[in-house]
N, C-alpha and C. Protein backbone atom coordinates (compact mmCIF):
# COMPACT_ATOMS: atom_id res chain seq x y z
N MET A 1 -121.53 5.86 256.24
CA MET A 1 -120.83 5.63 254.96
C MET A 1 -121.38 6.52 253.85
N THR A 2 -120.90 7.90 253.55
CA THR A 2 -121.60 8.49 252.50
C THR A 2 -121.08 8.26 251.36
N ILE A 3 -121.24 9.07 250.09
CA ILE A 3 -121.24 8.87 248.78
C ILE A 3 -120.17 9.68 248.03
N LYS A 4 -119.53 10.86 249.55
CA LYS A 4 -118.84 11.52 249.89
C LYS A 4 -117.77 10.43 249.84
N ASN A 5 -118.07 10.21 250.82
CA ASN A 5 -116.67 9.54 251.60
C ASN A 5 -116.33 8.12 250.82
N HIS A 6 -117.42 7.74 249.92
CA HIS A 6 -117.15 6.51 249.12
C HIS A 6 -115.77 7.22 247.97
N PHE A 7 -116.44 7.86 247.76
CA PHE A 7 -115.54 8.51 246.63
C PHE A 7 -114.08 8.53 246.86
N LEU A 8 -114.30 9.60 248.39
CA LEU A 8 -113.32 10.13 248.67
C LEU A 8 -111.62 8.58 248.81
N ASN A 9 -112.30 7.68 249.06
CA ASN A 9 -111.86 6.73 249.19
C ASN A 9 -110.95 6.19 248.33
N ILE A 10 -111.99 5.87 246.74
CA ILE A 10 -111.37 5.26 246.08
C ILE A 10 -110.58 6.44 245.43
N PHE A 11 -110.46 8.05 245.50
CA PHE A 11 -109.66 8.77 245.20
C PHE A 11 -107.98 8.11 245.84
N LYS A 12 -108.25 8.24 247.48
CA LYS A 12 -107.10 7.90 247.82
C LYS A 12 -106.55 7.16 247.20
N HIS A 13 -107.32 5.66 247.59
CA HIS A 13 -106.48 4.73 246.38
C HIS A 13 -105.99 4.82 245.27
N ALA A 14 -107.31 5.42 244.45
CA ALA A 14 -106.08 5.66 243.28
C ALA A 14 -104.84 6.28 243.67
N LEU A 15 -105.25 7.32 244.07
CA LEU A 15 -103.80 8.25 243.86
C LEU A 15 -102.05 7.56 244.42
N HIS A 16 -102.88 6.10 245.64
CA HIS A 16 -101.81 5.11 245.95
C HIS A 16 -101.29 4.61 245.27
N ALA A 17 -102.34 3.88 244.24
CA ALA A 17 -101.77 3.35 243.16
C ALA A 17 -100.76 3.92 241.84
N ILE A 18 -101.00 4.98 241.05
CA ILE A 18 -100.66 5.94 240.81
C ILE A 18 -99.07 5.78 241.49
N PHE A 19 -99.11 6.28 242.58
CA PHE A 19 -97.75 6.46 243.13
C PHE A 19 -96.90 5.04 243.44
N LEU A 20 -97.22 3.83 243.95
CA LEU A 20 -96.56 3.29 243.61
C LEU A 20 -96.19 3.00 241.77
N LEU A 21 -97.06 2.55 241.45
CA LEU A 21 -96.85 2.31 240.18
C LEU A 21 -95.50 3.54 239.46
N SER A 22 -96.01 4.53 239.70
CA SER A 22 -94.53 5.68 239.53
C SER A 22 -93.05 5.05 240.05
N VAL A 23 -93.45 4.64 241.16
CA VAL A 23 -91.93 4.30 242.35
C VAL A 23 -91.31 3.36 241.05
N PHE A 24 -92.17 2.06 240.85
CA PHE A 24 -92.08 0.83 240.20
C PHE A 24 -91.31 0.81 239.08
N THR A 25 -91.87 1.69 237.99
CA THR A 25 -91.36 2.40 236.88
C THR A 25 -89.81 3.05 236.86
N THR A 26 -89.44 3.59 237.83
CA THR A 26 -88.63 4.80 237.82
C THR A 26 -86.92 3.81 238.96
N LEU A 27 -87.47 2.99 238.96
CA LEU A 27 -86.88 1.77 240.01
C LEU A 27 -86.45 0.66 238.98
N ASN A 28 -87.13 0.22 237.71
CA ASN A 28 -87.52 -0.78 236.28
C ASN A 28 -86.42 0.27 235.74
N ALA A 29 -86.27 1.57 235.57
CA ALA A 29 -85.34 2.53 234.70
C ALA A 29 -84.36 2.12 235.21
N CYS A 30 -84.34 1.99 236.06
CA CYS A 30 -83.40 2.47 236.79
C CYS A 30 -82.49 0.97 236.57
N GLN A 31 -82.98 -0.01 236.96
CA GLN A 31 -82.30 -0.96 236.56
C GLN A 31 -81.72 -1.86 235.46
N LYS A 32 -82.61 -0.77 234.25
CA LYS A 32 -81.93 -1.19 233.34
C LYS A 32 -80.93 -0.31 232.71
N LYS A 33 -80.38 0.60 233.38
CA LYS A 33 -79.90 2.06 233.13
C LYS A 33 -78.45 1.09 232.78
N THR A 34 -77.03 1.89 232.60
CA THR A 34 -75.76 0.98 232.94
C THR A 34 -74.98 2.40 233.13
N LEU A 35 -74.05 1.86 233.96
CA LEU A 35 -72.67 2.91 233.69
C LEU A 35 -72.71 4.12 233.05
N LYS A 36 -72.36 3.69 231.19
CA LYS A 36 -72.20 4.32 230.95
C LYS A 36 -73.80 5.46 230.37
N ASP A 37 -74.39 5.11 231.04
CA ASP A 37 -76.29 5.75 230.84
C ASP A 37 -75.69 7.07 231.76
N TYR A 38 -74.93 6.54 232.90
CA TYR A 38 -75.13 7.95 234.34
C TYR A 38 -73.75 8.55 233.54
N GLY A 39 -73.16 8.73 233.16
CA GLY A 39 -71.91 9.31 232.61
C GLY A 39 -70.53 9.30 232.34
N HIS A 40 -70.24 7.45 232.62
CA HIS A 40 -69.33 6.79 232.89
C HIS A 40 -68.13 6.44 232.13
N ASP A 41 -66.71 7.24 231.89
CA ASP A 41 -66.46 6.50 230.97
C ASP A 41 -65.84 5.13 230.56
N MET A 42 -66.73 4.28 229.64
CA MET A 42 -66.72 3.56 229.58
C MET A 42 -65.00 2.04 229.26
N GLU A 43 -63.93 3.27 229.03
CA GLU A 43 -62.88 2.68 228.09
C GLU A 43 -61.95 2.88 229.50
N ALA A 44 -62.36 3.90 230.46
CA ALA A 44 -60.77 3.72 231.63
C ALA A 44 -61.70 2.86 232.46
N ILE A 45 -62.85 2.52 232.54
CA ILE A 45 -63.02 1.26 233.20
C ILE A 45 -62.30 0.19 232.89
N ASN A 46 -62.63 -0.14 231.82
CA ASN A 46 -62.78 -1.22 230.90
C ASN A 46 -60.96 -1.18 231.66
N SER A 47 -59.97 -0.52 230.92
CA SER A 47 -58.23 -0.27 231.44
C SER A 47 -58.33 -0.89 232.37
N ALA A 48 -58.95 -0.03 233.42
CA ALA A 48 -58.89 -0.49 234.89
C ALA A 48 -59.13 -1.20 235.27
N ILE A 49 -59.80 -2.48 235.13
CA ILE A 49 -59.97 -3.43 235.43
C ILE A 49 -58.80 -4.00 234.60
N LYS A 50 -58.68 -4.43 233.77
CA LYS A 50 -57.54 -4.84 232.76
C LYS A 50 -55.56 -4.49 233.93
N ASN A 51 -56.32 -3.32 233.89
CA ASN A 51 -55.08 -2.79 234.95
C ASN A 51 -54.22 -3.50 236.10
N ARG A 52 -55.76 -4.09 236.50
CA ARG A 52 -55.87 -4.91 237.95
C ARG A 52 -55.43 -6.54 237.95
N LYS A 53 -55.66 -6.94 236.74
CA LYS A 53 -55.35 -7.67 236.23
C LYS A 53 -54.19 -8.13 235.57
N ILE A 54 -53.64 -7.13 235.01
CA ILE A 54 -52.16 -7.23 235.01
C ILE A 54 -50.67 -6.79 236.08
N GLN A 55 -51.44 -6.53 236.89
CA GLN A 55 -50.14 -6.08 237.75
C GLN A 55 -50.10 -7.15 239.26
N ARG A 56 -50.17 -8.77 238.66
CA ARG A 56 -50.38 -9.21 239.34
C ARG A 56 -48.57 -9.87 238.39
N ILE A 57 -48.11 -9.52 237.95
CA ILE A 57 -46.19 -9.60 237.04
C ILE A 57 -45.60 -9.30 238.62
N SER A 58 -44.79 -10.49 238.67
CA SER A 58 -44.03 -10.75 239.18
C SER A 58 -42.37 -9.70 239.17
N GLU A 59 -42.00 -8.98 240.81
CA GLU A 59 -40.68 -8.18 239.84
C GLU A 59 -39.19 -8.82 239.26
N PRO A 60 -39.64 -10.22 240.09
CA PRO A 60 -38.83 -11.28 238.99
C PRO A 60 -39.26 -10.73 236.89
N GLU A 61 -40.16 -11.72 236.53
CA GLU A 61 -40.90 -11.47 236.08
C GLU A 61 -40.47 -10.14 234.93
N PHE A 62 -40.67 -8.39 235.86
CA PHE A 62 -40.87 -7.17 235.03
C PHE A 62 -38.79 -7.24 234.70
N LYS A 63 -37.94 -8.06 235.82
CA LYS A 63 -36.33 -7.50 235.28
C LYS A 63 -36.20 -8.52 234.64
N GLU A 64 -36.66 -9.58 234.32
CA GLU A 64 -36.46 -10.96 233.12
C GLU A 64 -36.62 -9.87 231.47
N TRP A 65 -38.18 -9.39 231.47
CA TRP A 65 -38.96 -8.50 230.91
C TRP A 65 -37.81 -7.25 230.05
N VAL A 66 -37.30 -6.53 230.95
CA VAL A 66 -36.25 -5.07 230.73
C VAL A 66 -35.66 -5.60 230.41
N GLY A 67 -34.64 -6.97 231.11
CA GLY A 67 -33.34 -7.27 230.61
C GLY A 67 -32.98 -7.38 229.23
N LYS A 68 -34.19 -8.43 228.98
CA LYS A 68 -34.49 -8.92 227.30
C LYS A 68 -34.67 -8.00 226.72
N LYS A 69 -35.71 -6.42 226.61
CA LYS A 69 -36.21 -5.47 226.09
C LYS A 69 -34.85 -4.63 225.58
N GLY A 70 -34.12 -4.40 227.09
CA GLY A 70 -33.42 -3.40 227.03
C GLY A 70 -31.77 -3.59 226.27
N GLY A 71 -31.98 -5.27 226.40
CA GLY A 71 -30.90 -5.79 225.83
C GLY A 71 -30.74 -5.39 224.55
N GLU A 72 -32.01 -5.50 223.36
CA GLU A 72 -32.67 -5.26 221.95
C GLU A 72 -31.98 -4.02 221.72
N ILE A 73 -32.40 -3.37 222.66
CA ILE A 73 -32.60 -1.54 223.00
C ILE A 73 -31.00 -1.44 222.51
N SER A 74 -30.33 -1.49 223.33
CA SER A 74 -28.80 -1.18 223.77
C SER A 74 -28.51 -1.88 222.39
N ARG A 75 -27.95 -2.93 221.60
CA ARG A 75 -27.61 -3.10 220.60
C ARG A 75 -27.60 -2.74 219.42
N LEU A 76 -29.25 -2.18 219.40
CA LEU A 76 -29.10 -1.16 217.50
C LEU A 76 -28.92 0.21 218.51
N ALA A 77 -29.31 0.70 219.44
CA ALA A 77 -28.33 1.73 219.07
C ALA A 77 -26.81 2.64 219.10
N GLN A 78 -26.68 0.97 219.60
CA GLN A 78 -24.53 0.76 219.91
C GLN A 78 -24.32 0.95 218.57
N LYS A 79 -24.51 -0.64 217.65
CA LYS A 79 -25.00 0.10 215.84
C LYS A 79 -24.71 1.71 215.10
N TYR A 80 -25.51 2.27 215.44
CA TYR A 80 -26.75 3.97 215.00
C TYR A 80 -25.64 4.43 215.74
N LEU A 81 -24.90 4.79 216.72
CA LEU A 81 -23.69 4.79 217.58
C LEU A 81 -22.08 4.86 216.82
N ASN A 82 -22.56 3.54 216.27
CA ASN A 82 -21.30 3.48 215.93
C ASN A 82 -21.11 4.10 214.10
N ARG A 83 -21.87 3.06 213.57
CA ARG A 83 -21.90 4.80 211.77
C ARG A 83 -21.89 5.82 212.15
N ALA A 84 -22.77 6.40 213.43
CA ALA A 84 -22.37 8.26 213.32
C ALA A 84 -21.66 7.94 213.49
N THR A 85 -20.89 7.68 214.40
CA THR A 85 -19.29 7.93 215.01
C THR A 85 -18.52 8.12 213.66
N THR A 86 -18.05 7.07 213.22
CA THR A 86 -17.73 6.83 212.01
C THR A 86 -17.58 7.58 211.47
N LYS A 87 -18.62 8.01 210.83
CA LYS A 87 -18.87 9.28 209.92
C LYS A 87 -18.51 10.14 209.80
N GLY A 88 -18.61 10.33 211.35
CA GLY A 88 -18.44 12.49 211.67
C GLY A 88 -16.76 12.44 211.90
N ILE A 89 -16.30 11.31 212.23
CA ILE A 89 -14.86 11.00 212.30
C ILE A 89 -14.06 11.45 210.96
N GLU A 90 -14.53 9.99 210.34
CA GLU A 90 -14.04 10.73 208.31
C GLU A 90 -14.39 12.07 207.90
N GLU A 91 -15.73 13.15 208.78
CA GLU A 91 -15.96 13.88 207.73
C GLU A 91 -15.45 14.95 209.36
N LYS A 92 -14.89 14.32 209.81
CA LYS A 92 -14.13 15.81 210.62
C LYS A 92 -14.61 16.45 211.64
N THR A 93 -15.94 15.95 211.46
CA THR A 93 -17.12 16.55 212.89
C THR A 93 -16.69 16.59 214.70
N ILE A 94 -16.28 15.86 214.62
CA ILE A 94 -15.34 14.57 215.64
C ILE A 94 -14.08 14.49 215.78
N ALA A 95 -12.60 15.07 216.81
CA ALA A 95 -11.74 14.07 216.67
C ALA A 95 -11.50 12.20 217.58
N SER A 96 -12.43 12.62 218.51
CA SER A 96 -11.78 10.92 218.49
C SER A 96 -13.22 10.77 218.45
N SER A 97 -13.91 8.76 219.12
CA SER A 97 -14.78 8.36 219.32
C SER A 97 -15.66 8.82 220.85
N LYS A 98 -14.64 9.68 221.75
CA LYS A 98 -14.86 9.59 222.70
C LYS A 98 -15.48 11.03 222.87
N GLU A 99 -15.90 11.58 222.06
CA GLU A 99 -16.36 13.00 221.82
C GLU A 99 -17.85 12.26 220.96
N PHE A 100 -18.35 11.13 221.20
CA PHE A 100 -19.57 10.93 220.51
C PHE A 100 -20.56 11.77 220.63
N SER A 101 -20.39 11.69 221.41
CA SER A 101 -21.16 13.08 222.73
C SER A 101 -22.05 14.41 221.36
N ARG A 102 -20.67 14.74 220.68
CA ARG A 102 -20.94 15.86 220.44
C ARG A 102 -22.16 15.52 218.71
N LEU A 103 -22.25 13.86 218.47
CA LEU A 103 -22.87 13.52 217.51
C LEU A 103 -24.28 14.05 217.60
N LEU A 104 -25.19 13.68 218.53
CA LEU A 104 -26.41 13.24 219.68
C LEU A 104 -26.66 14.52 219.29
N PRO A 105 -28.06 14.88 218.95
CA PRO A 105 -29.26 13.99 219.32
C PRO A 105 -29.28 12.71 217.51
N ILE A 106 -29.03 11.87 217.69
CA ILE A 106 -29.26 10.40 216.49
C ILE A 106 -30.27 10.66 215.61
N ASP A 107 -31.06 10.52 214.83
CA ASP A 107 -32.29 10.35 213.89
C ASP A 107 -33.10 8.68 214.67
N HIS A 108 -31.90 8.27 214.48
CA HIS A 108 -32.22 6.78 214.45
C HIS A 108 -32.42 6.34 216.21
N ILE A 109 -31.46 6.56 216.29
CA ILE A 109 -31.82 6.18 218.26
C ILE A 109 -33.08 7.17 218.96
N ASP A 110 -33.12 7.65 218.54
CA ASP A 110 -34.15 8.27 218.71
C ASP A 110 -35.95 7.85 217.82
N SER A 111 -35.96 7.40 216.81
CA SER A 111 -36.38 6.67 216.94
C SER A 111 -37.21 5.30 217.09
N LEU A 112 -35.96 4.63 217.83
CA LEU A 112 -35.91 3.70 218.26
C LEU A 112 -36.40 3.65 219.67
N ALA A 113 -36.05 4.96 219.75
CA ALA A 113 -36.64 5.17 222.23
C ALA A 113 -38.17 5.31 221.76
N LYS A 114 -39.34 5.88 220.69
CA LYS A 114 -40.10 6.08 220.52
C LYS A 114 -41.30 4.34 219.70
N LYS A 115 -40.71 3.83 219.35
CA LYS A 115 -40.72 2.19 218.97
C LYS A 115 -40.57 1.55 220.50
N TYR A 116 -39.88 1.42 221.31
CA TYR A 116 -39.46 0.89 222.15
C TYR A 116 -41.25 1.50 223.08
N GLN A 117 -40.92 2.73 223.34
CA GLN A 117 -41.80 3.62 223.85
C GLN A 117 -40.84 3.65 225.95
N VAL A 118 -39.72 4.22 225.76
CA VAL A 118 -38.47 3.86 225.89
C VAL A 118 -37.37 5.68 226.20
N ASN A 119 -37.00 5.94 227.33
CA ASN A 119 -36.17 7.40 226.57
C ASN A 119 -34.77 6.30 226.76
N ILE A 120 -33.77 7.13 225.42
CA ILE A 120 -32.27 6.08 225.80
C ILE A 120 -30.94 7.33 226.13
N GLU A 121 -30.32 7.70 226.77
CA GLU A 121 -29.69 8.14 227.07
C GLU A 121 -27.98 7.61 226.82
N ALA A 122 -27.55 8.27 226.49
CA ALA A 122 -26.06 7.60 226.42
C ALA A 122 -25.32 8.70 226.26
N ILE A 123 -24.64 7.95 227.78
CA ILE A 123 -24.06 8.85 228.58
C ILE A 123 -22.38 8.97 228.60
N ASN A 124 -21.46 10.11 228.67
CA ASN A 124 -20.34 10.15 228.22
C ASN A 124 -19.20 10.33 228.75
N PHE A 125 -18.48 9.47 229.96
CA PHE A 125 -17.07 9.71 230.31
C PHE A 125 -17.02 10.78 230.98
N GLU A 126 -16.88 11.04 229.73
CA GLU A 126 -16.32 12.74 229.14
C GLU A 126 -17.06 13.96 230.18
N ARG A 127 -18.47 13.70 229.96
CA ARG A 127 -18.91 14.65 230.94
C ARG A 127 -18.95 15.12 232.48
N LYS A 128 -18.77 15.97 232.35
CA LYS A 128 -18.80 16.97 233.32
C LYS A 128 -19.28 17.81 234.63
N SER A 129 -20.49 17.55 234.15
CA SER A 129 -22.12 17.66 234.91
C SER A 129 -22.57 16.08 234.80
N LEU A 130 -22.41 16.87 236.65
CA LEU A 130 -24.43 14.82 236.22
C LEU A 130 -25.15 15.37 236.94
N ASP A 131 -25.64 16.90 237.00
CA ASP A 131 -26.88 16.99 237.87
C ASP A 131 -28.32 16.89 237.51
N ASP A 132 -27.90 16.40 235.73
CA ASP A 132 -29.54 15.83 235.02
C ASP A 132 -29.26 14.62 235.26
N LEU A 133 -28.58 13.64 235.29
CA LEU A 133 -28.57 12.54 236.31
C LEU A 133 -29.56 12.05 236.62
N TYR A 134 -29.92 10.70 236.98
CA TYR A 134 -31.18 9.69 238.22
C TYR A 134 -29.61 9.15 239.40
N PRO A 135 -30.02 9.50 240.84
CA PRO A 135 -28.39 9.41 241.68
C PRO A 135 -27.53 8.30 240.94
N ILE A 136 -28.77 7.32 240.58
CA ILE A 136 -27.95 5.96 240.90
C ILE A 136 -26.96 5.82 239.23
N GLU A 137 -27.20 6.91 238.49
CA GLU A 137 -26.71 7.13 236.89
C GLU A 137 -25.24 7.70 237.51
N ALA A 138 -25.12 8.84 238.13
CA ALA A 138 -24.80 9.62 238.40
C ALA A 138 -23.06 8.89 239.29
N GLN A 139 -24.28 7.89 240.23
CA GLN A 139 -22.78 6.95 241.26
C GLN A 139 -22.13 5.65 239.92
N LEU A 140 -23.59 4.97 239.09
CA LEU A 140 -22.42 3.70 238.31
C LEU A 140 -20.95 4.76 237.58
N LEU A 141 -21.66 6.03 236.86
CA LEU A 141 -21.25 6.56 235.66
C LEU A 141 -19.57 6.61 236.76
N THR A 142 -19.77 7.57 237.85
CA THR A 142 -18.54 8.22 238.70
C THR A 142 -17.60 6.65 238.84
N LYS A 143 -17.84 5.61 239.17
CA LYS A 143 -17.52 4.33 239.15
C LYS A 143 -16.83 3.57 238.03
N PHE A 144 -17.65 3.43 237.41
CA PHE A 144 -17.51 3.01 235.80
C PHE A 144 -15.92 3.79 235.32
N LYS A 145 -16.01 4.57 235.55
CA LYS A 145 -15.27 6.31 234.74
C LYS A 145 -14.06 5.79 235.97
N ASN A 146 -13.67 4.92 236.98
CA ASN A 146 -12.46 5.66 237.59
C ASN A 146 -12.24 3.86 238.08
N GLU A 147 -12.83 2.87 237.06
CA GLU A 147 -13.06 1.50 237.40
C GLU A 147 -12.71 1.41 238.45
N GLU A 148 -13.81 1.68 239.09
CA GLU A 148 -13.82 0.47 240.46
C GLU A 148 -14.95 -0.29 240.36
N ILE A 149 -15.76 -0.68 239.61
CA ILE A 149 -16.65 -1.96 239.46
C ILE A 149 -16.67 -2.29 237.47
N ALA A 150 -16.79 -3.23 237.29
CA ALA A 150 -16.95 -4.11 235.92
C ALA A 150 -18.25 -3.28 235.43
N LEU A 151 -18.56 -2.92 234.03
CA LEU A 151 -18.84 -2.23 233.17
C LEU A 151 -19.81 -2.68 232.47
N LYS A 152 -20.33 -3.94 232.80
CA LYS A 152 -21.40 -4.43 231.96
C LYS A 152 -22.98 -3.69 232.42
N PRO A 153 -23.65 -4.73 231.59
CA PRO A 153 -25.15 -4.80 231.75
C PRO A 153 -25.85 -5.51 232.74
N GLY A 154 -27.03 -3.89 233.65
CA GLY A 154 -27.85 -4.54 234.77
C GLY A 154 -28.81 -3.58 234.32
N ILE A 155 -29.45 -3.92 235.79
CA ILE A 155 -30.70 -2.88 235.90
C ILE A 155 -31.04 -2.86 237.39
N GLN A 156 -31.14 -0.96 237.31
CA GLN A 156 -31.61 0.07 237.81
C GLN A 156 -33.13 0.26 238.57
N TYR A 157 -33.14 0.88 239.23
CA TYR A 157 -34.63 0.99 239.78
C TYR A 157 -33.93 2.91 239.81
N ALA A 158 -34.50 3.12 239.65
CA ALA A 158 -35.27 4.38 240.19
C ALA A 158 -36.54 5.05 240.08
N GLU A 159 -36.44 6.63 240.66
CA GLU A 159 -38.02 7.48 241.13
C GLU A 159 -39.18 6.14 241.98
N LYS A 160 -37.94 5.28 242.57
CA LYS A 160 -39.38 4.96 243.98
C LYS A 160 -39.71 4.23 243.05
N ARG A 161 -39.14 2.96 242.11
CA ARG A 161 -39.16 2.28 241.69
C ARG A 161 -40.23 1.98 240.18
N ARG A 162 -40.62 3.48 240.41
CA ARG A 162 -40.82 3.97 239.49
C ARG A 162 -40.69 3.55 237.48
N LYS A 163 -39.43 3.22 237.69
CA LYS A 163 -38.82 3.68 236.56
C LYS A 163 -37.83 3.01 237.29
N PHE A 164 -37.66 1.63 235.70
CA PHE A 164 -36.95 0.41 235.81
C PHE A 164 -34.97 1.74 234.48
N LEU A 165 -34.05 1.32 234.56
CA LEU A 165 -32.81 1.68 233.81
C LEU A 165 -32.16 0.55 233.56
N PHE A 166 -32.24 0.25 232.34
CA PHE A 166 -31.14 -0.31 231.57
C PHE A 166 -29.86 -0.35 231.33
N ILE A 167 -29.14 -0.84 232.01
CA ILE A 167 -27.74 0.40 231.99
C ILE A 167 -26.55 -1.22 231.09
N ALA A 168 -25.84 0.18 230.58
CA ALA A 168 -25.10 -1.46 228.84
C ALA A 168 -24.02 -0.54 229.00
N PRO A 169 -22.88 -1.15 228.42
CA PRO A 169 -20.85 0.18 228.14
C PRO A 169 -21.57 0.51 227.05
N ILE A 170 -21.22 1.08 226.58
CA ILE A 170 -20.69 2.07 225.27
C ILE A 170 -19.44 1.74 224.75
N TYR A 171 -19.24 1.05 224.01
CA TYR A 171 -18.28 0.72 223.37
C TYR A 171 -17.73 1.56 221.95
N LEU A 172 -16.48 1.90 222.54
CA LEU A 172 -16.41 2.69 220.99
C LEU A 172 -14.21 2.39 220.83
N ASN A 173 -14.21 1.65 220.26
CA ASN A 173 -12.51 1.73 220.30
C ASN A 173 -12.16 2.01 221.86
N GLY A 174 -13.34 0.53 222.22
CA GLY A 174 -13.22 0.96 224.34
C GLY A 174 -14.28 1.42 224.61
N SER A 175 -13.79 1.41 226.38
CA SER A 175 -15.24 1.67 227.21
C SER A 175 -14.89 3.33 226.91
N VAL A 176 -16.69 3.75 226.60
CA VAL A 176 -16.38 5.11 226.24
C VAL A 176 -17.47 6.25 227.45
N GLY A 177 -18.57 5.49 227.44
CA GLY A 177 -19.32 5.99 228.18
C GLY A 177 -20.38 4.49 229.13
N MET A 178 -21.95 4.89 228.87
CA MET A 178 -22.46 3.72 229.31
C MET A 178 -24.39 4.14 228.28
N TRP A 179 -24.64 3.68 228.54
CA TRP A 179 -26.35 3.62 226.85
C TRP A 179 -26.90 3.43 229.41
N SER A 180 -28.37 4.50 229.32
CA SER A 180 -29.63 4.03 230.11
C SER A 180 -30.96 4.36 229.62
N VAL A 181 -31.26 2.80 229.48
CA VAL A 181 -32.77 3.42 228.43
C VAL A 181 -32.96 3.24 229.99
N HIS A 182 -34.49 4.03 229.91
CA HIS A 182 -35.60 4.33 230.68
C HIS A 182 -36.89 3.51 230.42
N PHE A 183 -36.97 2.80 231.45
CA PHE A 183 -38.46 2.24 230.35
C PHE A 183 -39.16 2.21 232.36
N ASP A 184 -40.99 3.21 232.29
CA ASP A 184 -41.79 3.53 232.62
C ASP A 184 -42.35 2.00 233.41
N ARG A 185 -42.15 1.65 234.34
CA ARG A 185 -42.94 0.75 234.86
C ARG A 185 -44.70 0.41 234.19
N ASN A 186 -44.88 0.79 234.24
CA ASN A 186 -46.49 1.49 233.83
C ASN A 186 -46.92 0.70 232.31
N THR A 187 -46.06 1.85 231.71
CA THR A 187 -45.60 1.64 230.09
C THR A 187 -45.59 -0.21 229.82
N VAL A 188 -44.70 -0.59 230.94
CA VAL A 188 -43.98 -1.69 231.09
C VAL A 188 -45.04 -3.08 231.26
N ILE A 189 -45.90 -2.57 231.91
CA ILE A 189 -46.91 -3.65 232.58
C ILE A 189 -48.08 -3.64 231.27
N LYS A 190 -48.58 -2.61 230.63
CA LYS A 190 -49.22 -2.01 228.83
C LYS A 190 -48.29 -2.95 228.20
N GLN A 191 -47.10 -3.16 228.10
CA GLN A 191 -46.55 -4.03 226.50
C GLN A 191 -46.31 -5.65 227.53
N ILE A 192 -46.04 -5.52 228.63
CA ILE A 192 -46.67 -6.73 228.42
C ILE A 192 -48.07 -7.69 229.21
N THR A 193 -48.79 -6.79 229.22
CA THR A 193 -50.00 -7.56 229.37
C THR A 193 -50.18 -7.33 227.21
N LYS A 194 -50.26 -7.01 226.75
CA LYS A 194 -50.26 -6.86 226.20
C LYS A 194 -50.16 -8.64 224.33
N GLU A 195 -48.79 -8.49 225.20
CA GLU A 195 -48.40 -9.26 224.64
C GLU A 195 -48.80 -10.38 225.51
N ARG A 196 -49.24 -11.11 226.55
CA ARG A 196 -49.90 -12.00 226.93
C ARG A 196 -51.05 -12.15 226.47
N GLN A 197 -51.69 -11.25 225.76
CA GLN A 197 -53.31 -11.36 224.97
C GLN A 197 -52.57 -11.09 223.75
N ASP A 198 -51.76 -11.23 223.63
CA ASP A 198 -51.71 -11.69 221.81
C ASP A 198 -50.92 -13.45 221.68
N LYS A 199 -50.64 -13.83 222.17
CA LYS A 199 -49.74 -15.15 222.84
C LYS A 199 -51.35 -16.08 223.13
N LYS A 200 -52.27 -15.11 223.90
CA LYS A 200 -53.68 -16.07 224.06
C LYS A 200 -54.60 -16.21 222.42
N LYS A 201 -54.60 -15.32 221.71
CA LYS A 201 -54.95 -14.93 221.22
C LYS A 201 -54.45 -16.18 219.70
N ARG A 202 -53.12 -16.10 219.74
CA ARG A 202 -52.53 -17.33 218.62
C ARG A 202 -52.85 -18.47 219.43
N ARG A 203 -52.89 -18.65 220.26
CA ARG A 203 -53.09 -20.00 220.46
C ARG A 203 -54.85 -20.72 220.77
N ARG A 204 -55.71 -19.71 220.57
CA ARG A 204 -57.32 -19.76 220.31
C ARG A 204 -57.11 -20.17 218.84
N ARG A 205 -56.04 -19.42 217.86
CA ARG A 205 -56.55 -19.68 216.39
C ARG A 205 -55.88 -21.29 216.14
N LYS A 206 -54.31 -21.74 216.86
CA LYS A 206 -54.41 -23.25 216.80
C LYS A 206 -55.73 -23.72 217.14
């Protein structure tokens, strides 16, 4: 082997060593990188993971939770509507409680909706158009109005079960309409999860 060939071999080995070192360094660096380093939204990922865990909520649990919250909301909304109706009649804004929808929207009821993250609809039996109601609301309203079924609190579904509707009667010197409290399923999932997490924290403190 000539001196020239000897140096060529050394040079080849050196290049090979440098190449292997660079590959190793790159792989090592990649292993240390996190999802955040690659530009992923960690908050969104964590939220998605939590949501997967939360979705282990049975339908009876959903209905129990919505029934409880819906009852609270409709009772408070009824109280605010009673006050507004009494005031409206005293001030001759309306002639009777059947005209309560003329007093809407009511600030306290809007604040209640924001607090519970729901939509609260006060549906009057006297309303003429049912076009802006969910089909199930229109059906129930017609049946209640015609006294085909008893007006009592209950839970219905809308938007392919993406919405829970808590239905309850509106009483103002008699039955004059119905409450329809709209719960979004994803929002309910988050609220139930938060309640579970808060419950766990309280247990740990004990």
